[in-house]
């Protein structure tokens, strides 16, 4: 399905991309901590909201 060259390219691309993303995140870590202080509470609230929706769906189905 894929040639050896395509597989090697894909693997190298994934490795290099992951390294660049990791380096960029490390470089901007202070800025992220400053600007996105309350974002974890938004994520937790969203997950709780989804769990409540699934519970309501399950209760109304049965």
C-alpha atoms as a PDB file:
ATOM      1  CA  UNK A   1       0.000   0.000   0.000  1.00  0.00           C
ATOM      2  CA  UNK A   2       2.774   2.453   0.937  1.00  0.00           C
ATOM      3  CA  UNK A   3       6.286   2.385  -0.401  1.00  0.00           C
ATOM      4  CA  UNK A   4       9.311   2.247   1.893  1.00  0.00           C
ATOM      5  CA  UNK A   5      10.141   5.861   1.064  1.00  0.00           C
ATOM      6  CA  UNK A   6       6.679   7.045   2.080  1.00  0.00           C
ATOM      7  CA  UNK A   7       6.836   5.179   5.381  1.00  0.00           C
ATOM      8  CA  UNK A   8      10.292   6.591   6.177  1.00  0.00           C
ATOM      9  CA  UNK A   9       9.119  10.103   5.290  1.00  0.00           C
ATOM     10  CA  UNK A  10       6.017   9.758   7.489  1.00  0.00           C
ATOM     11  CA  UNK A  11       8.044   8.535  10.464  1.00  0.00           C
ATOM     12  CA  UNK A  12      10.630  11.295  10.108  1.00  0.00           C
ATOM     13  CA  UNK A  13       7.895  13.902   9.699  1.00  0.00           C
ATOM     14  CA  UNK A  14       6.114  12.722  12.872  1.00  0.00           C
ATOM     15  CA  UNK A  15       9.341  12.742  14.906  1.00  0.00           C
ATOM     16  CA  UNK A  16      10.447  16.192  13.708  1.00  0.00           C
ATOM     17  CA  UNK A  17       6.943  17.628  14.143  1.00  0.00           C
ATOM     18  CA  UNK A  18       6.725  16.299  17.717  1.00  0.00           C
ATOM     19  CA  UNK A  19      10.130  17.797  18.566  1.00  0.00           C
ATOM     20  CA  UNK A  20       9.131  21.198  17.168  1.00  0.00           C
ATOM     21  CA  UNK A  21       5.815  21.194  19.061  1.00  0.00           C
ATOM     22  CA  UNK A  22       7.537  20.188  22.307  1.00  0.00           C
ATOM     23  CA  UNK A  23      10.195  22.906  21.907  1.00  0.00           C
ATOM     24  CA  UNK A  24       7.587  25.572  21.087  1.00  0.00           C
ATOM     25  CA  UNK A  25       5.484  24.635  24.117  1.00  0.00           C
ATOM     26  CA  UNK A  26       8.518  24.744  26.416  1.00  0.00           C
ATOM     27  CA  UNK A  27       9.490  28.137  25.044  1.00  0.00           C
ATOM     28  CA  UNK A  28       6.023  29.617  25.682  1.00  0.00           C
ATOM     29  CA  UNK A  29       5.298  27.870  28.995  1.00  0.00           C
ATOM     30  CA  UNK A  30       5.495  31.045  31.136  1.00  0.00           C
ATOM     31  CA  UNK A  31       3.182  32.890  28.772  1.00  0.00           C
ATOM     32  CA  UNK A  32       0.653  30.036  28.806  1.00  0.00           C
ATOM     33  CA  UNK A  33       0.638  29.873  32.607  1.00  0.00           C
ATOM     34  CA  UNK A  34       0.019  33.624  32.764  1.00  0.00           C
ATOM     35  CA  UNK A  35      -2.722  33.874  30.135  1.00  0.00           C
ATOM     36  CA  UNK A  36      -4.639  30.627  30.679  1.00  0.00           C
ATOM     37  CA  UNK A  37      -4.959  30.428  34.470  1.00  0.00           C
ATOM     38  CA  UNK A  38      -8.596  29.272  34.727  1.00  0.00           C
ATOM     39  CA  UNK A  39      -8.756  27.082  31.655  1.00  0.00           C
ATOM     40  CA  UNK A  40      -8.598  23.832  33.646  1.00  0.00           C
ATOM     41  CA  UNK A  41     -11.861  24.720  35.402  1.00  0.00           C
ATOM     42  CA  UNK A  42     -13.543  25.311  32.052  1.00  0.00           C
ATOM     43  CA  UNK A  43     -12.369  21.875  30.888  1.00  0.00           C
ATOM     44  CA  UNK A  44     -13.530  20.181  34.081  1.00  0.00           C
ATOM     45  CA  UNK A  45     -16.924  21.916  33.820  1.00  0.00           C
ATOM     46  CA  UNK A  46     -17.281  20.796  30.205  1.00  0.00           C
ATOM     47  CA  UNK A  47     -16.529  17.179  31.108  1.00  0.00           C
ATOM     48  CA  UNK A  48     -19.024  17.276  33.994  1.00  0.00           C
ATOM     49  CA  UNK A  49     -21.632  18.743  31.634  1.00  0.00           C
ATOM     50  CA  UNK A  50     -21.077  15.906  29.147  1.00  0.00           C
ATOM     51  CA  UNK A  51     -21.364  13.288  31.908  1.00  0.00           C
ATOM     52  CA  UNK A  52     -24.644  14.841  33.065  1.00  0.00           C
ATOM     53  CA  UNK A  53     -25.980  14.781  29.497  1.00  0.00           C
ATOM     54  CA  UNK A  54     -25.092  11.099  29.106  1.00  0.00           C
ATOM     55  CA  UNK A  55     -26.739  10.309  32.464  1.00  0.00           C
ATOM     56  CA  UNK A  56     -29.922  12.108  31.438  1.00  0.00           C
ATOM     57  CA  UNK A  57     -29.935  10.260  28.116  1.00  0.00           C
ATOM     58  CA  UNK A  58     -29.476   6.929  29.874  1.00  0.00           C
ATOM     59  CA  UNK A  59     -32.230   7.657  32.421  1.00  0.00           C
ATOM     60  CA  UNK A  60     -34.726   8.787  29.792  1.00  0.00           C
ATOM     61  CA  UNK A  61     -33.969   5.792  27.574  1.00  0.00           C
ATOM     62  CA  UNK A  62     -34.711   3.266  30.341  1.00  0.00           C
END
